[in-house]
C-alpha atoms as a PDB file:
ATOM      1  CA  ASP A   1       0.000   0.000   0.000  1.00  0.00           C
ATOM      2  CA  LYS A   2       1.064   3.574  -0.670  1.00  0.00           C
ATOM      3  CA  VAL A   3      -0.087   6.429   1.549  1.00  0.00           C
ATOM      4  CA  PHE A   4       0.148  10.088   0.553  1.00  0.00           C
ATOM      5  CA  VAL A   5       0.889  12.386   3.488  1.00  0.00           C
ATOM      6  CA  ASP A   6       0.987  16.187   3.494  1.00  0.00           C
ATOM      7  CA  ARG A   7       3.863  16.754   5.914  1.00  0.00           C
ATOM      8  CA  SER A   8       3.222  20.511   5.961  1.00  0.00           C
ATOM      9  CA  ASP A   9      -0.229  19.956   7.552  1.00  0.00           C
ATOM     10  CA  GLN A  10       0.448  18.975  11.182  1.00  0.00           C
ATOM     11  CA  LYS A  11      -2.478  20.700  12.908  1.00  0.00           C
ATOM     12  CA  PRO A  12      -5.591  18.582  13.487  1.00  0.00           C
ATOM     13  CA  SER A  13      -7.994  21.361  12.598  1.00  0.00           C
ATOM     14  CA  PRO A  14     -10.066  20.560  10.676  1.00  0.00           C
ATOM     15  CA  ALA A  15     -10.365  16.978  11.886  1.00  0.00           C
ATOM     16  CA  GLY A  16      -8.976  14.226   9.687  1.00  0.00           C
ATOM     17  CA  VAL A  17      -6.694  11.214   9.486  1.00  0.00           C
ATOM     18  CA  PHE A  18      -3.083  11.829  10.466  1.00  0.00           C
ATOM     19  CA  VAL A  19       0.169   9.908  10.708  1.00  0.00           C
ATOM     20  CA  PHE A  20       1.906  10.317  14.050  1.00  0.00           C
ATOM     21  CA  TRP A  21       4.716   8.812  16.108  1.00  0.00           C
ATOM     22  CA  ASP A  22       3.216   6.725  18.936  1.00  0.00           C
ATOM     23  CA  GLY A  23       6.481   6.105  20.780  1.00  0.00           C
ATOM     24  CA  ILE A  24       7.126   2.780  19.052  1.00  0.00           C
ATOM     25  CA  GLY A  25       6.467   3.500  15.392  1.00  0.00           C
ATOM     26  CA  MET A  26       4.312   5.381  12.936  1.00  0.00           C
ATOM     27  CA  ALA A  27       0.555   5.075  13.421  1.00  0.00           C
ATOM     28  CA  PHE A  28      -2.602   6.293  11.690  1.00  0.00           C
ATOM     29  CA  ALA A  29      -5.541   7.799  13.565  1.00  0.00           C
ATOM     30  CA  HIS A  30      -8.490  10.108  13.151  1.00  0.00           C
ATOM     31  CA  MET A  31      -7.741  13.292  15.104  1.00  0.00           C
ATOM     32  CA  GLN A  32      -9.917  16.222  16.040  1.00  0.00           C
ATOM     33  CA  PRO A  33      -9.223  19.277  18.180  1.00  0.00           C
ATOM     34  CA  VAL A  34     -10.712  19.463  21.678  1.00  0.00           C
ATOM     35  CA  PRO A  35     -11.716  22.950  22.852  1.00  0.00           C
ATOM     36  CA  GLY A  36     -10.129  24.216  26.057  1.00  0.00           C
ATOM     37  CA  THR A  37      -7.381  26.373  27.479  1.00  0.00           C
ATOM     38  CA  GLU A  38      -4.593  23.937  26.537  1.00  0.00           C
ATOM     39  CA  PRO A  39      -4.496  22.607  22.946  1.00  0.00           C
ATOM     40  CA  GLN A  40      -5.659  18.995  23.039  1.00  0.00           C
ATOM     41  CA  VAL A  41      -6.589  16.408  20.444  1.00  0.00           C
ATOM     42  CA  ARG A  42      -8.968  13.435  20.493  1.00  0.00           C
ATOM     43  CA  ILE A  43      -7.381  10.386  18.875  1.00  0.00           C
ATOM     44  CA  THR A  44      -9.571   7.588  17.531  1.00  0.00           C
ATOM     45  CA  GLN A  45      -8.056   4.407  16.108  1.00  0.00           C
ATOM     46  CA  ARG A  46      -9.900   1.412  14.711  1.00  0.00           C
ATOM     47  CA  GLY A  47     -10.327  -1.290  17.341  1.00  0.00           C
ATOM     48  CA  SER A  48      -9.460   1.010  20.278  1.00  0.00           C
ATOM     49  CA  ASP A  49     -11.229   3.458  22.537  1.00  0.00           C
ATOM     50  CA  SER A  50     -10.690   7.114  21.715  1.00  0.00           C
ATOM     51  CA  TYR A  51      -8.605   9.211  24.088  1.00  0.00           C
ATOM     52  CA  VAL A  52      -7.654  12.858  24.585  1.00  0.00           C
ATOM     53  CA  ILE A  53      -4.027  13.954  24.814  1.00  0.00           C
ATOM     54  CA  ALA A  54      -2.251  17.300  24.935  1.00  0.00           C
ATOM     55  CA  LEU A  55      -1.128  18.341  21.461  1.00  0.00           C
ATOM     56  CA  SER A  56       2.343  19.022  22.883  1.00  0.00           C
ATOM     57  CA  GLU A  57       2.694  15.343  23.880  1.00  0.00           C
ATOM     58  CA  ILE A  58       2.429  13.857  20.392  1.00  0.00           C
ATOM     59  CA  GLN A  59       4.452  14.237  17.230  1.00  0.00           C
ATOM     60  CA  ILE A  60       2.202  14.569  14.184  1.00  0.00           C
ATOM     61  CA  VAL A  61       4.003  13.719  10.948  1.00  0.00           C
ATOM     62  CA  GLY A  62       1.262  14.954   8.620  1.00  0.00           C
ATOM     63  CA  ARG A  63      -2.281  14.667   7.261  1.00  0.00           C
ATOM     64  CA  VAL A  64      -3.201  11.624   5.159  1.00  0.00           C
ATOM     65  CA  MET A  65      -4.331  12.860   1.757  1.00  0.00           C
ATOM     66  CA  GLY A  66      -5.009   9.496   0.090  1.00  0.00           C
ATOM     67  CA  SER A  67      -3.818   5.964  -0.455  1.00  0.00           C
ATOM     68  CA  MET A  68      -3.342   3.364  -3.185  1.00  0.00           C
ATOM     69  CA  ARG A  69      -3.569  -0.383  -2.801  1.00  0.00           C
ATOM     70  CA  HIS A  70      -1.673  -2.716  -5.109  1.00  0.00           C
ATOM     71  CA  ARG A  71      -3.512  -5.861  -6.116  1.00  0.00           C
END
């Protein structure tokens, strides 16, 4: 599979699918901003519960723009 990532778009507003470093490797997740005094983001991954984390605690690589699957 090939994934196209816009590395210049690292802010989860508007919400979308992003590639980020999860401490072990690269991961994909739907992210959306959470209103409040400190910038936070809600991360939702398939097969897991969503969670909220401070934006300063994650490293977003970029926004997923599309993908191609080889058959």
